[in-house]
C-alpha atoms as a PDB file:
ATOM      1  CA  MET A   1     -55.220  36.745  22.127  1.00  0.00           C
ATOM      2  CA  GLU A   2     -58.689  38.257  22.273  1.00  0.00           C
ATOM      3  CA  ILE A   3     -60.176  40.042  19.304  1.00  0.00           C
ATOM      4  CA  LYS A   4     -62.833  43.047  20.637  1.00  0.00           C
ATOM      5  CA  LYS A   5     -64.881  44.376  17.829  1.00  0.00           C
ATOM      6  CA  ASP A   6     -68.040  46.086  19.166  1.00  0.00           C
ATOM      7  CA  TYR A   7     -66.947  49.294  20.176  1.00  0.00           C
ATOM      8  CA  HIS A   8     -68.614  52.702  19.487  1.00  0.00           C
ATOM      9  CA  LEU A   9     -66.904  56.162  19.826  1.00  0.00           C
ATOM     10  CA  ILE A  10     -69.023  59.195  21.476  1.00  0.00           C
ATOM     11  CA  GLY A  11     -67.750  62.718  20.514  1.00  0.00           C
ATOM     12  CA  ILE A  12     -68.691  65.649  22.764  1.00  0.00           C
ATOM     13  CA  ASN A  13     -68.858  68.464  20.581  1.00  0.00           C
ATOM     14  CA  VAL A  14     -68.173  71.046  23.089  1.00  0.00           C
ATOM     15  CA  ALA A  15     -64.743  73.102  23.631  1.00  0.00           C
ATOM     16  CA  CYS A  16     -64.253  73.292  26.933  1.00  0.00           C
ATOM     17  CA  PRO A  17     -61.574  75.582  28.223  1.00  0.00           C
ATOM     18  CA  PHE A  18     -58.955  74.398  30.606  1.00  0.00           C
ATOM     19  CA  TYR A  19     -60.271  76.598  33.530  1.00  0.00           C
ATOM     20  CA  SER A  20     -63.139  73.943  33.269  1.00  0.00           C
ATOM     21  CA  PRO A  21     -61.725  71.250  35.802  1.00  0.00           C
ATOM     22  CA  GLY A  22     -63.996  68.247  36.600  1.00  0.00           C
ATOM     23  CA  PHE A  23     -65.837  67.971  33.250  1.00  0.00           C
ATOM     24  CA  ILE A  24     -64.336  64.674  32.166  1.00  0.00           C
ATOM     25  CA  ALA A  25     -64.738  63.537  35.807  1.00  0.00           C
ATOM     26  CA  ALA A  26     -68.237  64.116  35.983  1.00  0.00           C
ATOM     27  CA  ILE A  27     -68.941  62.042  32.746  1.00  0.00           C
ATOM     28  CA  SER A  28     -66.401  59.361  33.635  1.00  0.00           C
ATOM     29  CA  GLY A  29     -67.674  59.196  37.247  1.00  0.00           C
ATOM     30  CA  LYS A  30     -71.324  58.723  36.238  1.00  0.00           C
ATOM     31  CA  MET A  31     -70.436  56.323  33.934  1.00  0.00           C
ATOM     32  CA  ALA A  32     -68.691  54.278  36.330  1.00  0.00           C
ATOM     33  CA  LEU A  33     -71.801  54.560  38.598  1.00  0.00           C
ATOM     34  CA  ARG A  34     -73.533  52.677  36.230  1.00  0.00           C
ATOM     35  CA  ASP A  35     -71.003  50.072  35.197  1.00  0.00           C
ATOM     36  CA  ILE A  36     -70.004  51.348  31.816  1.00  0.00           C
ATOM     37  CA  PRO A  37     -66.090  51.092  31.227  1.00  0.00           C
ATOM     38  CA  VAL A  38     -65.008  53.828  29.144  1.00  0.00           C
ATOM     39  CA  LEU A  39     -61.637  55.088  27.569  1.00  0.00           C
ATOM     40  CA  VAL A  40     -61.360  58.913  27.393  1.00  0.00           C
ATOM     41  CA  VAL A  41     -59.325  60.876  24.698  1.00  0.00           C
ATOM     42  CA  SER A  42     -59.474  64.628  24.814  1.00  0.00           C
ATOM     43  CA  THR A  43     -58.450  67.104  22.198  1.00  0.00           C
ATOM     44  CA  PHE A  44     -58.613  70.765  22.129  1.00  0.00           C
ATOM     45  CA  SER A  45     -62.072  71.023  20.539  1.00  0.00           C
ATOM     46  CA  LYS A  46     -63.390  67.690  21.430  1.00  0.00           C
ATOM     47  CA  ASP A  47     -63.531  64.834  24.047  1.00  0.00           C
ATOM     48  CA  TYR A  48     -64.074  61.361  22.874  1.00  0.00           C
ATOM     49  CA  PHE A  49     -65.589  58.156  24.914  1.00  0.00           C
ATOM     50  CA  ILE A  50     -64.946  54.731  23.531  1.00  0.00           C
ATOM     51  CA  ILE A  51     -67.888  52.629  24.868  1.00  0.00           C
ATOM     52  CA  GLN A  52     -68.494  48.998  24.272  1.00  0.00           C
ATOM     53  CA  GLY A  53     -71.523  48.349  22.105  1.00  0.00           C
ATOM     54  CA  LYS A  54     -73.756  46.875  24.619  1.00  0.00           C
ATOM     55  CA  ASP A  55     -73.221  49.872  27.078  1.00  0.00           C
ATOM     56  CA  MET A  56     -74.034  52.712  24.359  1.00  0.00           C
ATOM     57  CA  ASP A  57     -77.625  53.223  25.200  1.00  0.00           C
ATOM     58  CA  ASN A  58     -77.056  53.807  28.851  1.00  0.00           C
ATOM     59  CA  ALA A  59     -73.852  56.308  27.956  1.00  0.00           C
ATOM     60  CA  VAL A  60     -76.105  58.435  26.117  1.00  0.00           C
ATOM     61  CA  LEU A  61     -78.627  58.334  29.033  1.00  0.00           C
ATOM     62  CA  VAL A  62     -75.937  59.412  31.296  1.00  0.00           C
ATOM     63  CA  LEU A  63     -74.956  62.186  29.206  1.00  0.00           C
ATOM     64  CA  ALA A  64     -78.411  63.402  29.028  1.00  0.00           C
ATOM     65  CA  ASP A  65     -78.770  63.383  32.810  1.00  0.00           C
ATOM     66  CA  LEU A  66     -75.780  65.518  33.010  1.00  0.00           C
ATOM     67  CA  GLY A  67     -77.483  68.009  30.563  1.00  0.00           C
ATOM     68  CA  ILE A  68     -75.378  67.373  27.772  1.00  0.00           C
ATOM     69  CA  LYS A  69     -77.675  68.122  24.586  1.00  0.00           C
ATOM     70  CA  ARG A  70     -78.344  65.380  21.841  1.00  0.00           C
ATOM     71  CA  ASN A  71     -77.046  67.466  19.040  1.00  0.00           C
ATOM     72  CA  TRP A  72     -73.554  67.852  20.989  1.00  0.00           C
ATOM     73  CA  ILE A  73     -73.134  64.213  21.078  1.00  0.00           C
ATOM     74  CA  HIS A  74     -71.707  62.591  17.922  1.00  0.00           C
ATOM     75  CA  LYS A  75     -72.065  58.570  17.983  1.00  0.00           C
ATOM     76  CA  GLU A  76     -70.054  56.284  15.519  1.00  0.00           C
ATOM     77  CA  LEU A  77     -69.161  52.716  15.412  1.00  0.00           C
ATOM     78  CA  LEU A  78     -65.667  52.100  15.568  1.00  0.00           C
ATOM     79  CA  LYS A  79     -64.680  49.890  12.606  1.00  0.00           C
ATOM     80  CA  PHE A  80     -61.482  48.229  13.717  1.00  0.00           C
ATOM     81  CA  LYS A  81     -60.122  45.466  11.618  1.00  0.00           C
ATOM     82  CA  LYS A  82     -58.984  44.070  14.795  1.00  0.00           C
ATOM     83  CA  PHE A  83     -58.936  45.505  18.412  1.00  0.00           C
ATOM     84  CA  VAL A  84     -56.383  43.161  20.096  1.00  0.00           C
ATOM     85  CA  ARG A  85     -55.397  42.812  23.896  1.00  0.00           C
ATOM     86  CA  VAL A  86     -52.670  40.809  24.555  1.00  0.00           C
ATOM     87  CA  SER A  87     -52.088  39.816  28.080  1.00  0.00           C
ATOM     88  CA  ASN A  88     -48.964  38.689  29.359  1.00  0.00           C
ATOM     89  CA  GLY A  89     -50.787  35.711  31.531  1.00  0.00           C
END
């Protein structure tokens, strides 16, 4: 069992209508190009990206490069008691 604790949540405070295909793909694609692993959670009014703490500064730079304004970004440390990954190996 492996316990991970240093994760951050980036919330994009922009409501994208359903006819905006590629919004998440553009962000996650740029993150992938910079070797930033990301978990995406989308809601009706916000999109959230869970990022490892060591990648946080680079992730914010990626968003800025894409033209996402700083005041649209909400950053927060995820305060998990335990974030556990259990493998079958």
